[in-house]
Protein backbone atom coordinates (compact mmCIF):
# COMPACT_ATOMS: atom_id res chain seq x y z
CA UNK A 1 38.53 -163.98 32.33
CA UNK A 2 35.58 -161.74 33.18
CA UNK A 3 34.60 -161.39 36.81
CA UNK A 4 30.99 -160.95 37.80
CA UNK A 5 29.39 -159.34 40.77
CA UNK A 6 26.06 -161.09 40.13
CA UNK A 7 26.11 -162.76 43.56
CA UNK A 8 26.57 -159.39 45.29
CA UNK A 9 23.79 -157.85 43.20
CA UNK A 10 21.44 -160.76 44.02
CA UNK A 11 22.32 -160.44 47.70
CA UNK A 12 21.59 -156.69 47.66
CA UNK A 13 18.25 -157.28 45.93
CA UNK A 14 17.30 -159.90 48.54
CA UNK A 15 18.18 -157.48 51.36
CA UNK A 16 16.14 -154.71 49.74
CA UNK A 17 13.11 -156.98 49.28
CA UNK A 18 13.22 -158.04 52.96
CA UNK A 19 13.49 -154.43 54.17
CA UNK A 20 10.77 -153.21 51.79
CA UNK A 21 8.45 -156.04 52.84
CA UNK A 22 8.96 -155.22 56.50
CA UNK A 23 8.32 -151.54 55.83
CA UNK A 24 5.16 -152.33 53.86
CA UNK A 25 3.83 -154.33 56.82
CA UNK A 26 4.55 -151.39 59.14
CA UNK A 27 2.91 -149.05 56.65
CA UNK A 28 -0.21 -151.21 56.46
CA UNK A 29 -0.48 -151.13 60.25
CA UNK A 30 -0.27 -147.33 60.10
CA UNK A 31 -2.92 -147.23 57.36
CA UNK A 32 -5.14 -149.53 59.44
CA UNK A 33 -4.79 -147.31 62.52
CA UNK A 34 -5.59 -144.16 60.55
CA UNK A 35 -8.40 -145.84 58.64
CA UNK A 36 -10.15 -147.04 61.79
CA UNK A 37 -9.87 -143.52 63.26
CA UNK A 38 -11.50 -142.04 60.13
CA UNK A 39 -14.25 -144.68 60.10
CA UNK A 40 -15.01 -144.10 63.79
CA UNK A 41 -15.14 -140.35 63.21
CA UNK A 42 -17.63 -140.85 60.37
CA UNK A 43 -19.69 -143.53 62.11
CA UNK A 44 -23.15 -142.08 62.74
CA UNK A 45 -23.64 -144.07 65.95
CA UNK A 46 -22.18 -141.94 68.74
CA UNK A 47 -21.52 -144.79 71.14
CA UNK A 48 -22.00 -148.49 71.32
CA UNK A 49 -21.02 -151.65 69.63
CA UNK A 50 -20.98 -150.40 66.03
CA UNK A 51 -18.39 -147.70 66.60
CA UNK A 52 -16.39 -149.58 69.21
CA UNK A 53 -16.04 -152.67 67.05
CA UNK A 54 -14.28 -150.95 64.15
CA UNK A 55 -10.97 -152.68 63.63
CA UNK A 56 -8.49 -153.70 60.97
CA UNK A 57 -6.73 -156.89 60.04
CA UNK A 58 -3.42 -157.49 58.35
CA UNK A 59 -0.99 -160.39 58.34
CA UNK A 60 -3.48 -162.74 60.07
CA UNK A 61 -4.10 -160.51 63.12
CA UNK A 62 -7.12 -158.39 64.09
CA UNK A 63 -6.37 -155.05 65.75
CA UNK A 64 -8.83 -152.74 67.50
CA UNK A 65 -6.55 -149.68 67.89
CA UNK A 66 -7.94 -147.94 70.96
CA UNK A 67 -8.78 -151.20 72.75
CA UNK A 68 -5.70 -153.45 72.44
CA UNK A 69 -7.20 -156.14 74.67
CA UNK A 70 -10.52 -156.20 72.77
CA UNK A 71 -10.62 -159.32 70.60
CA UNK A 72 -12.32 -157.54 67.70
CA UNK A 73 -15.33 -158.94 65.97
CA UNK A 74 -13.54 -161.68 64.13
CA UNK A 75 -13.22 -159.79 60.91
CA UNK A 76 -12.19 -161.86 57.95
CA UNK A 77 -8.49 -162.15 58.74
CA UNK A 78 -6.09 -160.98 56.09
CA UNK A 79 -3.49 -163.66 55.50
CA UNK A 80 -1.75 -161.53 52.91
CA UNK A 81 1.16 -159.44 54.21
CA UNK A 82 0.38 -156.83 51.56
CA UNK A 83 -3.27 -156.24 52.44
CA UNK A 84 -5.23 -154.47 55.15
CA UNK A 85 -8.97 -154.98 55.74
CA UNK A 86 -10.94 -152.47 57.82
CA UNK A 87 -14.45 -152.55 59.15
CA UNK A 88 -16.67 -154.44 61.52
CA UNK A 89 -18.54 -157.69 61.70
CA UNK A 90 -21.46 -156.24 63.71
CA UNK A 91 -24.60 -157.58 62.11
CA UNK A 92 -26.61 -154.35 61.87
CA UNK A 93 -23.86 -152.13 60.40
CA UNK A 94 -24.64 -152.99 56.74
CA UNK A 95 -28.12 -151.61 57.35
CA UNK A 96 -26.58 -148.37 58.67
CA UNK A 97 -24.26 -148.23 55.65
CA UNK A 98 -26.76 -149.04 52.90
CA UNK A 99 -30.31 -148.25 54.00
CA UNK A 100 -30.18 -145.47 56.58
CA UNK A 101 -32.56 -142.58 56.04
CA UNK A 102 -30.82 -140.31 58.58
CA UNK A 103 -28.12 -139.07 56.20
CA UNK A 104 -25.52 -141.51 57.46
CA UNK A 105 -25.91 -143.82 54.46
CA UNK A 106 -22.51 -144.47 52.87
CA UNK A 107 -20.35 -143.53 55.85
CA UNK A 108 -17.90 -146.39 55.18
CA UNK A 109 -17.54 -145.45 51.52
CA UNK A 110 -16.93 -141.81 52.49
CA UNK A 111 -14.33 -142.97 55.01
CA UNK A 112 -12.48 -145.07 52.44
CA UNK A 113 -12.46 -142.17 49.98
CA UNK A 114 -10.96 -139.93 52.69
CA UNK A 115 -8.40 -142.59 53.55
CA UNK A 116 -7.18 -143.34 50.03
CA UNK A 117 -4.83 -140.33 49.58
CA UNK A 118 -3.61 -140.72 53.16
CA UNK A 119 -2.87 -144.41 52.60
CA UNK A 120 -0.96 -143.69 49.38
CA UNK A 121 1.19 -141.12 51.18
CA UNK A 122 1.80 -143.33 54.23
CA UNK A 123 2.75 -146.38 52.15
CA UNK A 124 4.96 -144.26 49.90
CA UNK A 125 6.80 -142.96 52.96
CA UNK A 126 7.32 -146.45 54.37
CA UNK A 127 8.54 -147.81 51.03
CA UNK A 128 10.97 -144.92 50.57
CA UNK A 129 12.25 -145.57 54.10
CA UNK A 130 13.37 -149.00 52.84
CA UNK A 131 15.31 -147.45 49.96
CA UNK A 132 17.62 -145.43 52.20
């Protein structure tokens, strides 16, 4: 008679998936925090609604990092636990992003390009944390 440890293997895989999922959610929060900081730094508007409204959403919650009590601008909420959305819902910001003649055109795209390698490193770290 051959004995199998398939149940133990399946149990270990389930545990790993739960830990990795939890770590990915933490990692996405970290990416959102860092992303909003980069976007705010690159935002051409020094003060006001455009800069202050930058926020991120993940797992059906909107977060404005430096203003925890601020409700955000009702960004499209991410219902996916493996996704983070950053930006603003302020009506004039697309004009600043796409049609500005002051040199600020494309500030969001520049921010996302700066964030990409940071996000890869952060998420890699959080995933590896789940493997230990």
